[in-house]
Amino acid sequence: MRALIFDLDGVLVFTDAFHYQAWKEMADRLGIYFDEKINNRLRGVSRMDSLEIILEKYHGAPLSYAEKCALADEKNETYKKLLQTMTPDDVSQEVRETLRELRCRGHKLAVGSSSKNTRFILAQTNLKDAFDAVSDGTNITRSKPDPEVFLKAAMFLGEQPGNCLAVEDAEAGIDAAKSGGMKAAGIGEAAKYVRTDYPLQKISELLELDFG
């Protein structure tokens, strides 16, 4: 296993509260019921697909595609303002030390995230230099559970998918990794998922795995 590809949110950093706050602000304005249970369905899902989930409880006049795009942009602008409050302190020492040790052992590291804000978050948290490649929402057309974001990360690293381990916190991400021919390590809710190859309680447990 020569390379590891990390999902961003929920694995390296935690911006769930920002996503929830931004979506809820938009939903409240439209009179759409939105709670944390619905928000959990959005994990690992693209912005437009997330909007469609929220609009399941929308009872107003039909929305055009342009109007939906405007709503997604509105949410993202709110989210980006919240992201500006992030600092290097939002990344745990455990995460930094695990990434450092993996690189010292000769593994290539990449980020594989559907978020178009990935590079901004990496810059805000001083994580850019921890990775050899970044595949994110700016270079894909299909979000997880489609494997595109992971396959492109492997390509950027110059590795075959079979030599890559994806680290995920969402079932959609595990499905993406598996359908792309990769092994998958799951943390958080993904640790309980039946398709997860390596369930983790904490990210430092990656250092204990036998990569063969």
N, C-alpha and C. Protein backbone atom coordinates (compact mmCIF):
# COMPACT_ATOMS: atom_id res chain seq x y z
N MET A 1 0.86 -1.18 0.00
CA MET A 1 0.00 0.00 0.00
C MET A 1 0.90 1.23 0.00
N ARG A 2 1.17 1.75 -1.17
CA ARG A 2 2.18 2.80 -1.28
C ARG A 2 1.63 4.21 -1.04
N ALA A 3 0.31 4.36 -1.16
CA ALA A 3 -0.26 5.70 -1.05
C ALA A 3 -1.53 5.70 -0.20
N LEU A 4 -1.75 6.79 0.51
CA LEU A 4 -2.98 6.97 1.28
C LEU A 4 -3.67 8.23 0.80
N ILE A 5 -4.97 8.13 0.61
CA ILE A 5 -5.76 9.25 0.14
C ILE A 5 -6.81 9.58 1.21
N PHE A 6 -6.76 10.79 1.71
CA PHE A 6 -7.60 11.18 2.83
C PHE A 6 -8.77 12.06 2.40
N ASP A 7 -9.95 11.69 2.85
CA ASP A 7 -11.05 12.64 2.80
C ASP A 7 -10.68 13.80 3.73
N LEU A 8 -11.27 14.94 3.51
CA LEU A 8 -10.89 16.12 4.30
C LEU A 8 -11.76 16.29 5.54
N ASP A 9 -13.02 16.63 5.31
CA ASP A 9 -13.91 16.97 6.42
C ASP A 9 -14.34 15.70 7.16
N GLY A 10 -14.14 15.70 8.46
CA GLY A 10 -14.49 14.55 9.27
C GLY A 10 -13.34 13.59 9.47
N VAL A 11 -12.24 13.80 8.74
CA VAL A 11 -11.05 12.96 8.86
C VAL A 11 -9.86 13.81 9.32
N LEU A 12 -9.57 14.85 8.57
CA LEU A 12 -8.44 15.72 8.89
C LEU A 12 -8.87 16.97 9.65
N VAL A 13 -10.00 17.51 9.27
CA VAL A 13 -10.57 18.68 9.94
C VAL A 13 -12.05 18.43 10.16
N PHE A 14 -12.68 19.30 10.95
CA PHE A 14 -14.09 19.11 11.26
C PHE A 14 -14.83 20.43 11.05
N THR A 15 -15.52 20.51 9.91
CA THR A 15 -16.28 21.73 9.60
C THR A 15 -17.77 21.44 9.50
N ASP A 16 -18.21 20.31 10.07
CA ASP A 16 -19.63 19.96 10.02
C ASP A 16 -20.50 21.09 10.57
N ALA A 17 -20.05 21.70 11.65
CA ALA A 17 -20.85 22.77 12.27
C ALA A 17 -21.00 23.94 11.31
N PHE A 18 -19.95 24.24 10.53
CA PHE A 18 -20.02 25.33 9.56
C PHE A 18 -21.02 24.99 8.43
N HIS A 19 -20.93 23.74 7.94
CA HIS A 19 -21.87 23.31 6.89
C HIS A 19 -23.30 23.42 7.40
N TYR A 20 -23.52 22.91 8.59
CA TYR A 20 -24.87 22.92 9.16
C TYR A 20 -25.39 24.34 9.31
N GLN A 21 -24.56 25.21 9.85
CA GLN A 21 -24.96 26.60 10.06
C GLN A 21 -25.31 27.29 8.74
N ALA A 22 -24.49 27.04 7.71
CA ALA A 22 -24.70 27.68 6.41
C ALA A 22 -25.96 27.15 5.72
N TRP A 23 -26.14 25.82 5.72
CA TRP A 23 -27.35 25.25 5.12
C TRP A 23 -28.60 25.67 5.88
N LYS A 24 -28.53 25.71 7.19
CA LYS A 24 -29.71 26.06 7.99
C LYS A 24 -30.11 27.50 7.76
N GLU A 25 -29.13 28.38 7.62
CA GLU A 25 -29.45 29.79 7.34
C GLU A 25 -30.22 29.91 6.03
N MET A 26 -29.79 29.17 5.01
CA MET A 26 -30.49 29.18 3.72
C MET A 26 -31.86 28.54 3.84
N ALA A 27 -31.93 27.38 4.52
CA ALA A 27 -33.20 26.67 4.66
C ALA A 27 -34.22 27.50 5.45
N ASP A 28 -33.78 28.13 6.52
CA ASP A 28 -34.69 28.94 7.33
C ASP A 28 -35.28 30.08 6.50
N ARG A 29 -34.45 30.67 5.67
CA ARG A 29 -34.93 31.78 4.84
C ARG A 29 -36.04 31.33 3.89
N LEU A 30 -35.94 30.06 3.43
CA LEU A 30 -36.95 29.53 2.50
C LEU A 30 -38.09 28.81 3.22
N GLY A 31 -38.04 28.78 4.54
CA GLY A 31 -39.09 28.10 5.29
C GLY A 31 -39.03 26.59 5.17
N ILE A 32 -37.81 26.04 4.97
CA ILE A 32 -37.62 24.60 4.83
C ILE A 32 -37.15 24.03 6.18
N TYR A 33 -37.81 22.96 6.60
CA TYR A 33 -37.38 22.31 7.83
C TYR A 33 -36.03 21.64 7.60
N PHE A 34 -35.09 21.90 8.52
CA PHE A 34 -33.74 21.34 8.39
C PHE A 34 -33.18 21.11 9.78
N ASP A 35 -32.71 19.89 10.04
CA ASP A 35 -32.14 19.59 11.34
C ASP A 35 -30.85 18.78 11.16
N GLU A 36 -30.24 18.40 12.27
CA GLU A 36 -28.96 17.71 12.22
C GLU A 36 -29.07 16.32 11.60
N LYS A 37 -30.23 15.69 11.74
CA LYS A 37 -30.43 14.38 11.12
C LYS A 37 -30.37 14.49 9.60
N ILE A 38 -31.02 15.52 9.05
CA ILE A 38 -30.96 15.75 7.61
C ILE A 38 -29.53 16.12 7.22
N ASN A 39 -28.88 16.93 8.04
CA ASN A 39 -27.51 17.36 7.76
C ASN A 39 -26.56 16.16 7.66
N ASN A 40 -26.80 15.14 8.46
CA ASN A 40 -25.95 13.95 8.42
C ASN A 40 -26.03 13.23 7.07
N ARG A 41 -27.17 13.38 6.38
CA ARG A 41 -27.31 12.76 5.06
C ARG A 41 -26.44 13.44 4.01
N LEU A 42 -25.94 14.63 4.33
CA LEU A 42 -25.16 15.41 3.36
C LEU A 42 -23.67 15.09 3.40
N ARG A 43 -23.25 14.28 4.34
CA ARG A 43 -21.82 14.00 4.51
C ARG A 43 -21.28 13.26 3.29
N GLY A 44 -20.22 13.81 2.72
CA GLY A 44 -19.60 13.20 1.55
C GLY A 44 -20.34 13.43 0.26
N VAL A 45 -21.39 14.26 0.29
CA VAL A 45 -22.23 14.50 -0.89
C VAL A 45 -21.91 15.87 -1.47
N SER A 46 -21.98 16.00 -2.78
CA SER A 46 -21.67 17.28 -3.43
C SER A 46 -22.66 18.36 -3.02
N ARG A 47 -22.29 19.60 -3.28
CA ARG A 47 -23.12 20.74 -2.89
C ARG A 47 -24.49 20.69 -3.55
N MET A 48 -24.53 20.45 -4.85
CA MET A 48 -25.82 20.44 -5.55
C MET A 48 -26.68 19.25 -5.13
N ASP A 49 -26.05 18.10 -4.91
CA ASP A 49 -26.80 16.94 -4.44
C ASP A 49 -27.30 17.17 -3.02
N SER A 50 -26.51 17.85 -2.21
CA SER A 50 -26.94 18.20 -0.86
C SER A 50 -28.17 19.11 -0.90
N LEU A 51 -28.13 20.07 -1.81
CA LEU A 51 -29.27 20.97 -1.96
C LEU A 51 -30.54 20.21 -2.32
N GLU A 52 -30.42 19.23 -3.20
CA GLU A 52 -31.59 18.45 -3.59
C GLU A 52 -32.18 17.69 -2.40
N ILE A 53 -31.31 17.21 -1.51
CA ILE A 53 -31.79 16.53 -0.31
C ILE A 53 -32.57 17.51 0.57
N ILE A 54 -32.03 18.70 0.74
CA ILE A 54 -32.71 19.72 1.56
C ILE A 54 -34.05 20.11 0.93
N LEU A 55 -34.08 20.20 -0.40
CA LEU A 55 -35.30 20.63 -1.09
C LEU A 55 -36.40 19.57 -1.08
N GLU A 56 -36.11 18.40 -0.55
CA GLU A 56 -37.16 17.39 -0.40
C GLU A 56 -38.28 17.91 0.49
N LYS A 57 -37.97 18.83 1.38
CA LYS A 57 -38.96 19.40 2.29
C LYS A 57 -39.38 20.81 1.89
N TYR A 58 -39.08 21.17 0.66
CA TYR A 58 -39.47 22.49 0.13
C TYR A 58 -40.87 22.41 -0.47
N HIS A 59 -41.71 23.38 -0.12
CA HIS A 59 -43.10 23.36 -0.59
C HIS A 59 -43.48 24.64 -1.34
N GLY A 60 -42.50 25.37 -1.80
CA GLY A 60 -42.78 26.60 -2.52
C GLY A 60 -42.92 26.37 -4.02
N ALA A 61 -42.85 27.47 -4.77
CA ALA A 61 -42.95 27.39 -6.23
C ALA A 61 -41.74 26.62 -6.78
N PRO A 62 -41.92 25.90 -7.89
CA PRO A 62 -40.81 25.14 -8.48
C PRO A 62 -39.60 26.05 -8.74
N LEU A 63 -38.43 25.50 -8.50
CA LEU A 63 -37.19 26.26 -8.68
C LEU A 63 -36.50 25.85 -9.97
N SER A 64 -36.03 26.83 -10.70
CA SER A 64 -35.27 26.54 -11.91
C SER A 64 -33.86 26.11 -11.54
N TYR A 65 -33.15 25.58 -12.52
CA TYR A 65 -31.78 25.17 -12.27
C TYR A 65 -30.94 26.38 -11.85
N ALA A 66 -31.17 27.52 -12.49
CA ALA A 66 -30.42 28.74 -12.16
C ALA A 66 -30.69 29.17 -10.72
N GLU A 67 -31.94 29.04 -10.29
CA GLU A 67 -32.28 29.41 -8.92
C GLU A 67 -31.62 28.45 -7.92
N LYS A 68 -31.56 27.18 -8.28
CA LYS A 68 -30.90 26.21 -7.41
C LYS A 68 -29.41 26.52 -7.30
N CYS A 69 -28.80 26.87 -8.42
CA CYS A 69 -27.38 27.23 -8.41
C CYS A 69 -27.14 28.44 -7.52
N ALA A 70 -28.07 29.39 -7.56
CA ALA A 70 -27.93 30.59 -6.73
C ALA A 70 -28.04 30.24 -5.25
N LEU A 71 -28.92 29.31 -4.93
CA LEU A 71 -29.05 28.88 -3.53
C LEU A 71 -27.78 28.17 -3.06
N ALA A 72 -27.23 27.31 -3.91
CA ALA A 72 -26.00 26.62 -3.56
C ALA A 72 -24.85 27.62 -3.37
N ASP A 73 -24.80 28.63 -4.23
CA ASP A 73 -23.76 29.66 -4.10
C ASP A 73 -23.95 30.47 -2.83
N GLU A 74 -25.21 30.75 -2.50
CA GLU A 74 -25.51 31.49 -1.27
C GLU A 74 -25.00 30.74 -0.05
N LYS A 75 -25.30 29.44 -0.03
CA LYS A 75 -24.82 28.61 1.08
C LYS A 75 -23.31 28.63 1.14
N ASN A 76 -22.66 28.50 -0.02
CA ASN A 76 -21.20 28.42 -0.04
C ASN A 76 -20.55 29.72 0.42
N GLU A 77 -21.15 30.84 0.08
CA GLU A 77 -20.58 32.11 0.52
C GLU A 77 -20.65 32.23 2.04
N THR A 78 -21.76 31.78 2.62
CA THR A 78 -21.87 31.78 4.08
C THR A 78 -20.84 30.85 4.69
N TYR A 79 -20.71 29.67 4.09
CA TYR A 79 -19.75 28.67 4.57
C TYR A 79 -18.32 29.20 4.49
N LYS A 80 -17.97 29.86 3.39
CA LYS A 80 -16.61 30.38 3.23
C LYS A 80 -16.29 31.46 4.26
N LYS A 81 -17.28 32.26 4.61
CA LYS A 81 -17.06 33.27 5.64
C LYS A 81 -16.74 32.60 6.98
N LEU A 82 -17.43 31.50 7.25
CA LEU A 82 -17.18 30.76 8.48
C LEU A 82 -15.80 30.09 8.44
N LEU A 83 -15.40 29.61 7.26
CA LEU A 83 -14.10 28.96 7.13
C LEU A 83 -12.95 29.92 7.41
N GLN A 84 -13.16 31.19 7.20
CA GLN A 84 -12.12 32.18 7.43
C GLN A 84 -11.70 32.26 8.89
N THR A 85 -12.52 31.68 9.75
CA THR A 85 -12.18 31.68 11.18
C THR A 85 -11.27 30.51 11.54
N MET A 86 -11.02 29.59 10.59
CA MET A 86 -10.18 28.43 10.87
C MET A 86 -8.71 28.84 10.98
N THR A 87 -7.99 28.10 11.82
CA THR A 87 -6.56 28.34 12.02
C THR A 87 -5.85 26.98 12.09
N PRO A 88 -4.52 26.97 12.12
CA PRO A 88 -3.80 25.70 12.29
C PRO A 88 -4.20 24.93 13.54
N ASP A 89 -4.74 25.63 14.54
CA ASP A 89 -5.17 24.97 15.77
C ASP A 89 -6.38 24.06 15.55
N ASP A 90 -7.03 24.18 14.39
CA ASP A 90 -8.18 23.33 14.08
C ASP A 90 -7.77 21.95 13.58
N VAL A 91 -6.48 21.72 13.47
CA VAL A 91 -5.97 20.39 13.13
C VAL A 91 -5.25 19.84 14.35
N SER A 92 -5.61 18.65 14.78
CA SER A 92 -5.02 18.07 15.99
C SER A 92 -3.56 17.68 15.76
N GLN A 93 -2.84 17.64 16.85
CA GLN A 93 -1.45 17.18 16.78
C GLN A 93 -1.40 15.72 16.34
N GLU A 94 -2.40 14.94 16.72
CA GLU A 94 -2.45 13.54 16.30
C GLU A 94 -2.49 13.42 14.78
N VAL A 95 -3.31 14.25 14.14
CA VAL A 95 -3.40 14.24 12.68
C VAL A 95 -2.06 14.62 12.07
N ARG A 96 -1.47 15.71 12.55
CA ARG A 96 -0.20 16.18 11.98
C ARG A 96 0.90 15.14 12.17
N GLU A 97 0.98 14.56 13.34
CA GLU A 97 2.04 13.59 13.61
C GLU A 97 1.84 12.31 12.80
N THR A 98 0.58 11.91 12.60
CA THR A 98 0.31 10.71 11.81
C THR A 98 0.71 10.93 10.36
N LEU A 99 0.36 12.07 9.80
CA LEU A 99 0.74 12.39 8.42
C LEU A 99 2.25 12.45 8.27
N ARG A 100 2.90 13.06 9.23
CA ARG A 100 4.37 13.19 9.19
C ARG A 100 5.04 11.82 9.23
N GLU A 101 4.55 10.94 10.10
CA GLU A 101 5.15 9.62 10.23
C GLU A 101 4.90 8.77 8.99
N LEU A 102 3.71 8.87 8.41
CA LEU A 102 3.42 8.11 7.18
C LEU A 102 4.37 8.52 6.06
N ARG A 103 4.62 9.80 5.95
CA ARG A 103 5.55 10.27 4.91
C ARG A 103 6.98 9.80 5.22
N CYS A 104 7.34 9.81 6.48
CA CYS A 104 8.67 9.34 6.86
C CYS A 104 8.85 7.87 6.50
N ARG A 105 7.77 7.12 6.51
CA ARG A 105 7.82 5.70 6.17
C ARG A 105 7.78 5.46 4.66
N GLY A 106 7.70 6.54 3.90
CA GLY A 106 7.77 6.43 2.45
C GLY A 106 6.45 6.39 1.72
N HIS A 107 5.35 6.63 2.41
CA HIS A 107 4.04 6.62 1.75
C HIS A 107 3.77 7.96 1.07
N LYS A 108 3.15 7.90 -0.09
CA LYS A 108 2.66 9.11 -0.74
C LYS A 108 1.30 9.46 -0.13
N LEU A 109 1.03 10.75 0.01
CA LEU A 109 -0.21 11.19 0.64
C LEU A 109 -0.96 12.16 -0.27
N ALA A 110 -2.28 12.00 -0.31
CA ALA A 110 -3.12 12.91 -1.09
C ALA A 110 -4.41 13.17 -0.34
N VAL A 111 -5.07 14.25 -0.74
CA VAL A 111 -6.43 14.53 -0.27
C VAL A 111 -7.38 14.20 -1.40
N GLY A 112 -8.48 13.54 -1.07
CA GLY A 112 -9.54 13.25 -2.04
C GLY A 112 -10.86 13.71 -1.47
N SER A 113 -11.28 14.91 -1.83
CA SER A 113 -12.48 15.51 -1.25
C SER A 113 -13.35 16.12 -2.34
N SER A 114 -14.66 15.98 -2.19
CA SER A 114 -15.59 16.57 -3.15
C SER A 114 -15.72 18.08 -2.99
N SER A 115 -15.18 18.62 -1.90
CA SER A 115 -15.33 20.05 -1.62
C SER A 115 -14.49 20.91 -2.55
N LYS A 116 -15.08 21.97 -3.04
CA LYS A 116 -14.35 22.94 -3.85
C LYS A 116 -13.55 23.91 -2.97
N ASN A 117 -13.75 23.80 -1.66
CA ASN A 117 -13.04 24.67 -0.72
C ASN A 117 -11.82 23.98 -0.12
N THR A 118 -11.48 22.82 -0.65
CA THR A 118 -10.40 22.02 -0.06
C THR A 118 -9.10 22.79 0.08
N ARG A 119 -8.65 23.40 -1.00
CA ARG A 119 -7.35 24.09 -0.96
C ARG A 119 -7.37 25.28 0.00
N PHE A 120 -8.50 25.95 0.10
CA PHE A 120 -8.62 27.07 1.03
C PHE A 120 -8.49 26.56 2.47
N ILE A 121 -9.16 25.45 2.77
CA ILE A 121 -9.10 24.88 4.12
C ILE A 121 -7.68 24.42 4.44
N LEU A 122 -7.03 23.78 3.48
CA LEU A 122 -5.65 23.33 3.70
C LEU A 122 -4.73 24.52 3.97
N ALA A 123 -4.96 25.62 3.28
CA ALA A 123 -4.14 26.81 3.49
C ALA A 123 -4.41 27.42 4.87
N GLN A 124 -5.68 27.51 5.23
CA GLN A 124 -6.05 28.10 6.52
C GLN A 124 -5.48 27.32 7.70
N THR A 125 -5.38 26.01 7.52
CA THR A 125 -4.94 25.15 8.63
C THR A 125 -3.48 24.74 8.52
N ASN A 126 -2.79 25.29 7.53
CA ASN A 126 -1.36 24.99 7.34
C ASN A 126 -1.12 23.50 7.11
N LEU A 127 -1.93 22.91 6.23
CA LEU A 127 -1.80 21.49 5.90
C LEU A 127 -1.33 21.25 4.47
N LYS A 128 -1.19 22.30 3.69
CA LYS A 128 -0.88 22.12 2.26
C LYS A 128 0.37 21.28 2.04
N ASP A 129 1.41 21.56 2.82
CA ASP A 129 2.69 20.89 2.59
C ASP A 129 2.72 19.45 3.08
N ALA A 130 1.63 19.00 3.71
CA ALA A 130 1.59 17.63 4.21
C ALA A 130 1.26 16.63 3.12
N PHE A 131 0.84 17.13 1.93
CA PHE A 131 0.35 16.24 0.88
C PHE A 131 1.12 16.41 -0.43
N ASP A 132 1.21 15.30 -1.14
CA ASP A 132 1.86 15.29 -2.44
C ASP A 132 0.91 15.67 -3.56
N ALA A 133 -0.40 15.54 -3.32
CA ALA A 133 -1.39 15.85 -4.36
C ALA A 133 -2.73 16.15 -3.71
N VAL A 134 -3.55 16.90 -4.43
CA VAL A 134 -4.90 17.22 -3.98
C VAL A 134 -5.87 16.99 -5.14
N SER A 135 -6.88 16.17 -4.90
CA SER A 135 -7.98 15.99 -5.84
C SER A 135 -9.24 16.45 -5.12
N ASP A 136 -9.95 17.40 -5.73
CA ASP A 136 -11.11 17.96 -5.03
C ASP A 136 -12.23 18.32 -6.00
N GLY A 137 -13.19 19.05 -5.50
CA GLY A 137 -14.37 19.39 -6.30
C GLY A 137 -14.09 20.24 -7.51
N THR A 138 -12.88 20.79 -7.61
CA THR A 138 -12.55 21.63 -8.76
C THR A 138 -12.10 20.81 -9.97
N ASN A 139 -11.79 19.52 -9.76
CA ASN A 139 -11.29 18.73 -10.89
C ASN A 139 -12.13 17.46 -11.15
N ILE A 140 -13.34 17.43 -10.59
CA ILE A 140 -14.20 16.27 -10.83
C ILE A 140 -15.57 16.73 -11.35
N THR A 141 -16.27 15.81 -11.98
CA THR A 141 -17.64 16.09 -12.44
C THR A 141 -18.66 15.23 -11.71
N ARG A 142 -18.17 14.20 -10.98
CA ARG A 142 -19.07 13.31 -10.26
C ARG A 142 -18.59 13.18 -8.82
N SER A 143 -19.50 13.36 -7.89
CA SER A 143 -19.12 13.30 -6.48
C SER A 143 -19.28 11.88 -5.94
N LYS A 144 -18.74 11.63 -4.76
CA LYS A 144 -18.88 10.34 -4.10
C LYS A 144 -20.37 10.00 -3.94
N PRO A 145 -20.76 8.76 -4.13
CA PRO A 145 -19.98 7.51 -4.13
C PRO A 145 -19.30 7.15 -5.45
N ASP A 146 -19.34 8.02 -6.45
CA ASP A 146 -18.55 7.78 -7.65
C ASP A 146 -17.06 7.87 -7.26
N PRO A 147 -16.23 7.00 -7.80
CA PRO A 147 -14.82 6.97 -7.39
C PRO A 147 -13.93 8.02 -8.04
N GLU A 148 -14.48 8.89 -8.87
CA GLU A 148 -13.65 9.79 -9.67
C GLU A 148 -12.62 10.55 -8.84
N VAL A 149 -13.03 11.13 -7.71
CA VAL A 149 -12.11 11.97 -6.94
C VAL A 149 -10.92 11.15 -6.42
N PHE A 150 -11.15 9.90 -6.06
CA PHE A 150 -10.06 9.04 -5.58
C PHE A 150 -9.19 8.55 -6.73
N LEU A 151 -9.82 8.23 -7.85
CA LEU A 151 -9.04 7.77 -9.00
C LEU A 151 -8.12 8.87 -9.51
N LYS A 152 -8.61 10.10 -9.50
CA LYS A 152 -7.75 11.21 -9.94
C LYS A 152 -6.63 11.46 -8.94
N ALA A 153 -6.93 11.28 -7.66
CA ALA A 153 -5.87 11.43 -6.66
C ALA A 153 -4.77 10.40 -6.89
N ALA A 154 -5.17 9.16 -7.17
CA ALA A 154 -4.19 8.11 -7.46
C ALA A 154 -3.37 8.46 -8.69
N MET A 155 -4.05 8.98 -9.71
CA MET A 155 -3.36 9.38 -10.95
C MET A 155 -2.36 10.49 -10.66
N PHE A 156 -2.76 11.49 -9.86
CA PHE A 156 -1.87 12.59 -9.53
C PHE A 156 -0.63 12.08 -8.77
N LEU A 157 -0.82 11.02 -8.00
CA LEU A 157 0.29 10.45 -7.23
C LEU A 157 1.14 9.50 -8.07
N GLY A 158 0.63 9.12 -9.25
CA GLY A 158 1.34 8.18 -10.09
C GLY A 158 1.26 6.75 -9.59
N GLU A 159 0.12 6.42 -8.92
CA GLU A 159 -0.06 5.09 -8.36
C GLU A 159 -1.31 4.42 -8.92
N GLN A 160 -1.29 3.10 -9.00
CA GLN A 160 -2.47 2.34 -9.37
C GLN A 160 -3.44 2.31 -8.18
N PRO A 161 -4.75 2.28 -8.46
CA PRO A 161 -5.73 2.27 -7.37
C PRO A 161 -5.49 1.14 -6.37
N GLY A 162 -5.07 -0.01 -6.85
CA GLY A 162 -4.84 -1.15 -5.96
C GLY A 162 -3.73 -0.94 -4.97
N ASN A 163 -2.92 0.09 -5.19
CA ASN A 163 -1.83 0.41 -4.26
C ASN A 163 -2.20 1.54 -3.30
N CYS A 164 -3.49 1.90 -3.31
CA CYS A 164 -3.93 3.05 -2.51
C CYS A 164 -4.93 2.64 -1.42
N LEU A 165 -4.84 3.31 -0.30
CA LEU A 165 -5.79 3.16 0.79
C LEU A 165 -6.50 4.49 0.98
N ALA A 166 -7.83 4.48 0.91
CA ALA A 166 -8.61 5.69 1.16
C ALA A 166 -9.04 5.73 2.62
N VAL A 167 -8.97 6.89 3.22
CA VAL A 167 -9.35 7.07 4.62
C VAL A 167 -10.58 7.97 4.66
N GLU A 168 -11.69 7.44 5.16
CA GLU A 168 -12.99 8.09 5.04
C GLU A 168 -13.78 8.06 6.34
N ASP A 169 -14.74 8.99 6.45
CA ASP A 169 -15.65 8.97 7.59
C ASP A 169 -17.10 8.77 7.18
N ALA A 170 -17.35 8.67 5.86
CA ALA A 170 -18.72 8.55 5.36
C ALA A 170 -18.87 7.29 4.52
N GLU A 171 -20.05 6.68 4.58
CA GLU A 171 -20.30 5.48 3.79
C GLU A 171 -20.15 5.74 2.30
N ALA A 172 -20.58 6.92 1.85
CA ALA A 172 -20.44 7.26 0.43
C ALA A 172 -18.98 7.25 0.02
N GLY A 173 -18.11 7.69 0.91
CA GLY A 173 -16.68 7.69 0.61
C GLY A 173 -16.10 6.29 0.58
N ILE A 174 -16.55 5.44 1.49
CA ILE A 174 -16.11 4.05 1.47
C ILE A 174 -16.55 3.38 0.17
N ASP A 175 -17.80 3.62 -0.24
CA ASP A 175 -18.30 3.05 -1.49
C ASP A 175 -17.48 3.54 -2.68
N ALA A 176 -17.09 4.82 -2.64
CA ALA A 176 -16.29 5.39 -3.73
C ALA A 176 -14.94 4.69 -3.81
N ALA A 177 -14.31 4.50 -2.67
CA ALA A 177 -13.00 3.85 -2.65
C ALA A 177 -13.09 2.42 -3.15
N LYS A 178 -14.07 1.68 -2.67
CA LYS A 178 -14.21 0.27 -3.05
C LYS A 178 -14.53 0.12 -4.53
N SER A 179 -15.41 0.97 -5.05
CA SER A 179 -15.75 0.86 -6.47
C SER A 179 -14.58 1.30 -7.35
N GLY A 180 -13.64 2.04 -6.77
CA GLY A 180 -12.45 2.45 -7.51
C GLY A 180 -11.31 1.44 -7.40
N GLY A 181 -11.55 0.33 -6.71
CA GLY A 181 -10.53 -0.70 -6.59
C GLY A 181 -9.52 -0.48 -5.49
N MET A 182 -9.89 0.35 -4.50
CA MET A 182 -8.99 0.65 -3.40
C MET A 182 -9.45 -0.02 -2.12
N LYS A 183 -8.53 -0.18 -1.18
CA LYS A 183 -8.88 -0.56 0.17
C LYS A 183 -9.39 0.70 0.88
N ALA A 184 -10.19 0.50 1.94
CA ALA A 184 -10.78 1.65 2.62
C ALA A 184 -10.66 1.51 4.13
N ALA A 185 -10.16 2.57 4.76
CA ALA A 185 -10.14 2.67 6.21
C ALA A 185 -11.24 3.62 6.62
N GLY A 186 -12.02 3.23 7.62
CA GLY A 186 -13.14 4.06 8.05
C GLY A 186 -13.00 4.54 9.47
N ILE A 187 -13.28 5.82 9.68
CA ILE A 187 -13.24 6.41 11.01
C ILE A 187 -14.62 7.00 11.29
N GLY A 188 -14.98 7.13 12.56
CA GLY A 188 -16.31 7.65 12.89
C GLY A 188 -17.38 6.67 12.46
N GLU A 189 -18.44 7.19 11.85
CA GLU A 189 -19.54 6.33 11.41
C GLU A 189 -19.09 5.29 10.39
N ALA A 190 -18.11 5.64 9.57
CA ALA A 190 -17.64 4.72 8.53
C ALA A 190 -16.92 3.51 9.11
N ALA A 191 -16.49 3.59 10.36
CA ALA A 191 -15.83 2.46 11.00
C ALA A 191 -16.80 1.29 11.19
N LYS A 192 -18.10 1.60 11.23
CA LYS A 192 -19.12 0.57 11.46
C LYS A 192 -19.65 -0.01 10.15
N TYR A 193 -19.24 0.56 9.04
CA TYR A 193 -19.81 0.18 7.74
C TYR A 193 -19.26 -1.17 7.30
N VAL A 194 -20.14 -2.01 6.76
CA VAL A 194 -19.77 -3.38 6.42
C VAL A 194 -18.70 -3.44 5.34
N ARG A 195 -18.61 -2.44 4.47
CA ARG A 195 -17.64 -2.48 3.37
C ARG A 195 -16.26 -1.95 3.77
N THR A 196 -16.14 -1.42 4.97
CA THR A 196 -14.87 -0.87 5.44
C THR A 196 -13.87 -1.99 5.71
N ASP A 197 -12.68 -1.87 5.15
CA ASP A 197 -11.64 -2.89 5.35
C ASP A 197 -10.94 -2.73 6.69
N TYR A 198 -10.67 -1.48 7.08
CA TYR A 198 -9.94 -1.22 8.31
C TYR A 198 -10.71 -0.21 9.17
N PRO A 199 -11.48 -0.67 10.14
CA PRO A 199 -12.17 0.27 11.03
C PRO A 199 -11.19 0.90 12.02
N LEU A 200 -11.28 2.21 12.16
CA LEU A 200 -10.37 2.96 13.03
C LEU A 200 -11.15 3.70 14.11
N GLN A 201 -10.61 3.72 15.30
CA GLN A 201 -11.17 4.55 16.36
C GLN A 201 -10.55 5.94 16.34
N LYS A 202 -9.29 6.00 15.89
CA LYS A 202 -8.60 7.29 15.78
C LYS A 202 -7.60 7.18 14.63
N ILE A 203 -7.24 8.31 14.08
CA ILE A 203 -6.45 8.32 12.85
C ILE A 203 -5.05 7.76 13.06
N SER A 204 -4.51 7.88 14.26
CA SER A 204 -3.16 7.38 14.51
C SER A 204 -3.08 5.87 14.39
N GLU A 205 -4.22 5.17 14.40
CA GLU A 205 -4.22 3.71 14.24
C GLU A 205 -3.77 3.30 12.84
N LEU A 206 -3.72 4.26 11.92
CA LEU A 206 -3.16 3.95 10.59
C LEU A 206 -1.72 3.49 10.71
N LEU A 207 -1.02 3.97 11.71
CA LEU A 207 0.39 3.62 11.88
C LEU A 207 0.56 2.18 12.36
N GLU A 208 -0.53 1.58 12.82
CA GLU A 208 -0.46 0.21 13.34
C GLU A 208 -0.86 -0.82 12.27
N LEU A 209 -1.34 -0.36 11.13
CA LEU A 209 -1.81 -1.28 10.10
C LEU A 209 -0.64 -1.94 9.38
N ASP A 210 -0.87 -3.17 9.00
CA ASP A 210 0.12 -3.89 8.18
C ASP A 210 -0.28 -3.69 6.73
N PHE A 211 0.44 -2.83 6.01
CA PHE A 211 0.11 -2.52 4.63
C PHE A 211 0.60 -3.58 3.66
N GLY A 212 1.24 -4.60 4.18
CA GLY A 212 1.67 -5.69 3.30
C GLY A 212 2.68 -5.26 2.29
